[in-house]
Amino acid sequence: MDLLFKSLQDPTRRSILNMLKKRDMSAGEIADSFEMSKPSVSYHLDLLKQAGLVSARREGQFIFYTLETTVLDESVGWFLDLMKKGKTK
């Protein structure tokens, strides 16, 4: 869960997640949306992938990224459960 929070605290990574909410995108399309080097964008994508927030698939020479919501669903469930337990005391 630490990696999830680390991934979500960065505004660039949150922007990438918002972009992927609309549609799957190639690494190049994502990189073109930012004024930073492609290796920097790749770093952000790798952290998101490690956190389970995105998945990647290769199509020819391109890598496409997809938003994965399972980790967020589980985290929201954990937060809600934590809040319920805190209110019963």
N, C-alpha and C. Protein backbone atom coordinates (compact mmCIF):
# COMPACT_ATOMS: atom_id res chain seq x y z
N MET A 1 0.82 -1.19 0.00
CA MET A 1 0.00 0.00 0.00
C MET A 1 0.87 1.26 0.00
N ASP A 2 2.10 1.16 0.54
CA ASP A 2 3.00 2.30 0.54
C ASP A 2 3.29 2.79 -0.88
N LEU A 3 3.48 1.83 -1.79
CA LEU A 3 3.76 2.18 -3.18
C LEU A 3 2.55 2.86 -3.83
N LEU A 4 1.36 2.42 -3.44
CA LEU A 4 0.14 3.06 -3.94
C LEU A 4 0.11 4.52 -3.53
N PHE A 5 0.34 4.80 -2.25
CA PHE A 5 0.32 6.18 -1.78
C PHE A 5 1.43 7.01 -2.41
N LYS A 6 2.61 6.42 -2.56
CA LYS A 6 3.72 7.13 -3.21
C LYS A 6 3.33 7.50 -4.64
N SER A 7 2.68 6.57 -5.33
CA SER A 7 2.28 6.82 -6.71
C SER A 7 1.25 7.93 -6.82
N LEU A 8 0.32 7.94 -5.88
CA LEU A 8 -0.78 8.92 -5.94
C LEU A 8 -0.40 10.30 -5.45
N GLN A 9 0.70 10.43 -4.73
CA GLN A 9 1.06 11.74 -4.19
C GLN A 9 1.65 12.68 -5.24
N ASP A 10 2.09 12.14 -6.37
CA ASP A 10 2.74 12.97 -7.38
C ASP A 10 1.72 13.49 -8.40
N PRO A 11 1.70 14.80 -8.66
CA PRO A 11 0.73 15.37 -9.60
C PRO A 11 0.87 14.85 -11.04
N THR A 12 2.09 14.56 -11.46
CA THR A 12 2.28 14.03 -12.82
C THR A 12 1.63 12.66 -12.94
N ARG A 13 1.82 11.83 -11.94
CA ARG A 13 1.23 10.49 -11.99
C ARG A 13 -0.29 10.56 -11.90
N ARG A 14 -0.80 11.48 -11.10
CA ARG A 14 -2.27 11.66 -11.06
C ARG A 14 -2.79 12.13 -12.41
N SER A 15 -2.05 12.98 -13.09
CA SER A 15 -2.45 13.43 -14.44
C SER A 15 -2.48 12.26 -15.41
N ILE A 16 -1.48 11.40 -15.34
CA ILE A 16 -1.43 10.23 -16.21
C ILE A 16 -2.65 9.35 -15.96
N LEU A 17 -2.99 9.13 -14.70
CA LEU A 17 -4.17 8.31 -14.38
C LEU A 17 -5.44 8.93 -14.94
N ASN A 18 -5.56 10.25 -14.83
CA ASN A 18 -6.74 10.93 -15.40
C ASN A 18 -6.80 10.78 -16.91
N MET A 19 -5.66 10.83 -17.56
CA MET A 19 -5.62 10.65 -19.02
C MET A 19 -6.06 9.24 -19.39
N LEU A 20 -5.59 8.26 -18.62
CA LEU A 20 -5.92 6.86 -18.92
C LEU A 20 -7.35 6.51 -18.55
N LYS A 21 -7.98 7.36 -17.74
CA LYS A 21 -9.38 7.15 -17.40
C LYS A 21 -10.25 7.26 -18.65
N LYS A 22 -9.81 8.09 -19.59
CA LYS A 22 -10.58 8.33 -20.82
C LYS A 22 -10.36 7.24 -21.86
N ARG A 23 -9.10 6.75 -21.95
CA ARG A 23 -8.80 5.72 -22.95
C ARG A 23 -7.39 5.20 -22.74
N ASP A 24 -7.12 4.02 -23.29
CA ASP A 24 -5.76 3.49 -23.29
C ASP A 24 -4.89 4.39 -24.16
N MET A 25 -3.64 4.54 -23.78
CA MET A 25 -2.74 5.42 -24.53
C MET A 25 -1.37 4.78 -24.66
N SER A 26 -0.68 5.12 -25.73
CA SER A 26 0.70 4.65 -25.90
C SER A 26 1.62 5.50 -25.02
N ALA A 27 2.79 4.95 -24.73
CA ALA A 27 3.77 5.69 -23.94
C ALA A 27 4.13 7.01 -24.62
N GLY A 28 4.23 6.98 -25.93
CA GLY A 28 4.56 8.20 -26.68
C GLY A 28 3.48 9.26 -26.56
N GLU A 29 2.22 8.85 -26.64
CA GLU A 29 1.11 9.80 -26.49
C GLU A 29 1.13 10.43 -25.10
N ILE A 30 1.39 9.61 -24.10
CA ILE A 30 1.45 10.13 -22.74
C ILE A 30 2.61 11.10 -22.61
N ALA A 31 3.78 10.72 -23.10
CA ALA A 31 4.97 11.57 -23.00
C ALA A 31 4.76 12.91 -23.71
N ASP A 32 4.05 12.89 -24.84
CA ASP A 32 3.81 14.13 -25.60
C ASP A 32 2.96 15.13 -24.83
N SER A 33 2.26 14.67 -23.79
CA SER A 33 1.39 15.55 -23.01
C SER A 33 2.13 16.31 -21.92
N PHE A 34 3.41 15.99 -21.74
CA PHE A 34 4.20 16.61 -20.67
C PHE A 34 5.45 17.27 -21.23
N GLU A 35 5.88 18.31 -20.56
CA GLU A 35 7.13 18.98 -20.94
C GLU A 35 8.25 18.44 -20.07
N MET A 36 8.55 17.16 -20.26
CA MET A 36 9.66 16.52 -19.56
C MET A 36 10.21 15.45 -20.48
N SER A 37 11.35 14.93 -20.15
CA SER A 37 11.97 13.94 -21.01
C SER A 37 11.16 12.63 -21.01
N LYS A 38 11.31 11.89 -22.10
CA LYS A 38 10.63 10.59 -22.18
C LYS A 38 11.09 9.63 -21.09
N PRO A 39 12.39 9.61 -20.74
CA PRO A 39 12.79 8.75 -19.62
C PRO A 39 12.10 9.13 -18.30
N SER A 40 11.85 10.42 -18.09
CA SER A 40 11.14 10.85 -16.87
C SER A 40 9.70 10.33 -16.87
N VAL A 41 9.04 10.43 -18.01
CA VAL A 41 7.67 9.92 -18.12
C VAL A 41 7.68 8.40 -17.94
N SER A 42 8.66 7.76 -18.50
CA SER A 42 8.80 6.31 -18.35
C SER A 42 8.95 5.92 -16.87
N TYR A 43 9.69 6.71 -16.12
CA TYR A 43 9.86 6.48 -14.69
C TYR A 43 8.50 6.53 -13.99
N HIS A 44 7.71 7.55 -14.30
CA HIS A 44 6.38 7.69 -13.70
C HIS A 44 5.48 6.51 -14.07
N LEU A 45 5.52 6.11 -15.32
CA LEU A 45 4.72 4.97 -15.77
C LEU A 45 5.15 3.68 -15.06
N ASP A 46 6.45 3.53 -14.86
CA ASP A 46 6.94 2.34 -14.18
C ASP A 46 6.46 2.28 -12.73
N LEU A 47 6.48 3.41 -12.04
CA LEU A 47 5.98 3.44 -10.66
C LEU A 47 4.48 3.11 -10.61
N LEU A 48 3.73 3.66 -11.55
CA LEU A 48 2.30 3.36 -11.61
C LEU A 48 2.05 1.88 -11.87
N LYS A 49 2.89 1.30 -12.72
CA LYS A 49 2.78 -0.12 -13.03
C LYS A 49 3.13 -0.96 -11.80
N GLN A 50 4.19 -0.61 -11.11
CA GLN A 50 4.58 -1.34 -9.89
C GLN A 50 3.50 -1.28 -8.82
N ALA A 51 2.80 -0.16 -8.75
CA ALA A 51 1.73 0.02 -7.77
C ALA A 51 0.44 -0.71 -8.18
N GLY A 52 0.41 -1.23 -9.41
CA GLY A 52 -0.77 -1.93 -9.90
C GLY A 52 -1.86 -1.01 -10.40
N LEU A 53 -1.52 0.27 -10.61
CA LEU A 53 -2.51 1.24 -11.07
C LEU A 53 -2.67 1.25 -12.58
N VAL A 54 -1.66 0.79 -13.30
CA VAL A 54 -1.74 0.67 -14.76
C VAL A 54 -1.14 -0.67 -15.17
N SER A 55 -1.55 -1.11 -16.33
CA SER A 55 -0.92 -2.29 -16.94
C SER A 55 -0.42 -1.87 -18.31
N ALA A 56 0.52 -2.62 -18.84
CA ALA A 56 1.12 -2.29 -20.14
C ALA A 56 1.03 -3.50 -21.05
N ARG A 57 0.82 -3.22 -22.32
CA ARG A 57 0.84 -4.29 -23.33
C ARG A 57 1.58 -3.77 -24.56
N ARG A 58 2.34 -4.63 -25.17
CA ARG A 58 3.11 -4.27 -26.35
C ARG A 58 2.30 -4.62 -27.59
N GLU A 59 2.24 -3.67 -28.50
CA GLU A 59 1.65 -3.88 -29.83
C GLU A 59 2.67 -3.40 -30.85
N GLY A 60 3.39 -4.34 -31.42
CA GLY A 60 4.47 -3.98 -32.34
C GLY A 60 5.55 -3.27 -31.58
N GLN A 61 5.89 -2.07 -32.04
CA GLN A 61 6.94 -1.31 -31.36
C GLN A 61 6.39 -0.37 -30.30
N PHE A 62 5.07 -0.36 -30.10
CA PHE A 62 4.45 0.56 -29.15
C PHE A 62 4.03 -0.17 -27.87
N ILE A 63 4.08 0.55 -26.77
CA ILE A 63 3.58 0.04 -25.49
C ILE A 63 2.36 0.88 -25.12
N PHE A 64 1.24 0.20 -24.90
CA PHE A 64 0.00 0.87 -24.52
C PHE A 64 -0.28 0.64 -23.05
N TYR A 65 -0.76 1.68 -22.39
CA TYR A 65 -1.05 1.62 -20.96
C TYR A 65 -2.55 1.69 -20.74
N THR A 66 -3.01 0.92 -19.75
CA THR A 66 -4.41 0.83 -19.39
C THR A 66 -4.55 1.10 -17.90
N LEU A 67 -5.57 1.86 -17.53
CA LEU A 67 -5.87 2.11 -16.12
C LEU A 67 -6.41 0.84 -15.49
N GLU A 68 -5.88 0.49 -14.33
CA GLU A 68 -6.36 -0.67 -13.57
C GLU A 68 -6.98 -0.16 -12.28
N THR A 69 -8.23 -0.50 -12.03
CA THR A 69 -8.92 0.04 -10.86
C THR A 69 -9.00 -0.93 -9.68
N THR A 70 -8.56 -2.16 -9.85
CA THR A 70 -8.68 -3.15 -8.79
C THR A 70 -7.99 -2.70 -7.50
N VAL A 71 -6.77 -2.19 -7.62
CA VAL A 71 -6.03 -1.74 -6.43
C VAL A 71 -6.77 -0.59 -5.75
N LEU A 72 -7.31 0.33 -6.54
CA LEU A 72 -8.05 1.45 -5.95
C LEU A 72 -9.33 0.96 -5.28
N ASP A 73 -10.03 0.02 -5.92
CA ASP A 73 -11.24 -0.54 -5.32
C ASP A 73 -10.94 -1.17 -3.97
N GLU A 74 -9.86 -1.96 -3.91
CA GLU A 74 -9.47 -2.61 -2.66
C GLU A 74 -9.09 -1.57 -1.60
N SER A 75 -8.39 -0.52 -2.02
CA SER A 75 -7.96 0.51 -1.07
C SER A 75 -9.15 1.29 -0.53
N VAL A 76 -10.10 1.61 -1.39
CA VAL A 76 -11.30 2.32 -0.94
C VAL A 76 -12.06 1.44 0.05
N GLY A 77 -12.15 0.14 -0.24
CA GLY A 77 -12.80 -0.78 0.69
C GLY A 77 -12.11 -0.79 2.05
N TRP A 78 -10.78 -0.79 2.03
CA TRP A 78 -10.00 -0.77 3.26
C TRP A 78 -10.27 0.51 4.04
N PHE A 79 -10.28 1.67 3.34
CA PHE A 79 -10.54 2.94 4.00
C PHE A 79 -11.93 2.96 4.63
N LEU A 80 -12.93 2.51 3.88
CA LEU A 80 -14.29 2.50 4.41
C LEU A 80 -14.41 1.59 5.63
N ASP A 81 -13.76 0.44 5.58
CA ASP A 81 -13.77 -0.47 6.71
C ASP A 81 -13.08 0.17 7.92
N LEU A 82 -11.98 0.84 7.68
CA LEU A 82 -11.26 1.51 8.75
C LEU A 82 -12.13 2.60 9.38
N MET A 83 -12.83 3.35 8.56
CA MET A 83 -13.70 4.43 9.06
C MET A 83 -14.86 3.86 9.89
N LYS A 84 -15.43 2.74 9.45
CA LYS A 84 -16.52 2.11 10.20
C LYS A 84 -16.04 1.67 11.58
N LYS A 85 -14.87 1.06 11.62
CA LYS A 85 -14.33 0.58 12.90
C LYS A 85 -14.02 1.73 13.82
N GLY A 86 -13.55 2.84 13.25
CA GLY A 86 -13.23 4.01 14.07
C GLY A 86 -14.47 4.65 14.68
N LYS A 87 -15.62 4.53 14.01
CA LYS A 87 -16.86 5.14 14.50
C LYS A 87 -17.54 4.30 15.57
N THR A 88 -17.20 3.02 15.66
CA THR A 88 -17.87 2.16 16.64
C THR A 88 -17.25 2.28 18.02
N LYS A 89 -16.15 2.95 18.14
CA LYS A 89 -15.49 3.05 19.46
C LYS A 89 -16.05 4.19 20.27
